[in-house]
Amino acid sequence: MDGSVSYKPSENWARDWHKVEDWVVEALERSPGGETVSQVQQALIVGTAHLWVGKRAAIVSIYIDECFTIWLGGGDMAEIQQMTPTIEQYGKSLGADRIYIYGRPGWSRSYLKEHGFKTKWVILEKML
């Protein structure tokens, strides 16, 4: 990890949104949940979601009822990897005892496997 970079949730997501919007939209397009930009923004407004802004990547985490989730991640995978330990610690500081990541199958083959994440569920979908 680059020791000169410190990650923390954005203190003003509305100010930082323009820096990361393309990455968040990219992540939404591949998200299994079908959420919209306005739903992400609403979660940021009410404070259940947190925006993590990197130089080349962004993550949106969400914390509800002691469940901490890396909801969306977009941009440079190497920077997302650098951001993850700080985000895990943040979730723990909120009282979470586990962290979830929902996403496309490729995430289960990424750096996350080496860091103790296990495939827990598979989501299948059929459009009617």
Foldseek 3Di string as FASTA:
>chain_A
DPPVDDKDFDPDCVVCCVVAVVFQVVQCVFFPPNDDPVVLVVQVVVVQWTWIDDNFKIWIWGDDPLEIERETIGGDPVVVVVCVVVSVVVSVVVPHPDYYYGGDPVVQVDCVVVVPDHDDDDDDDDDD
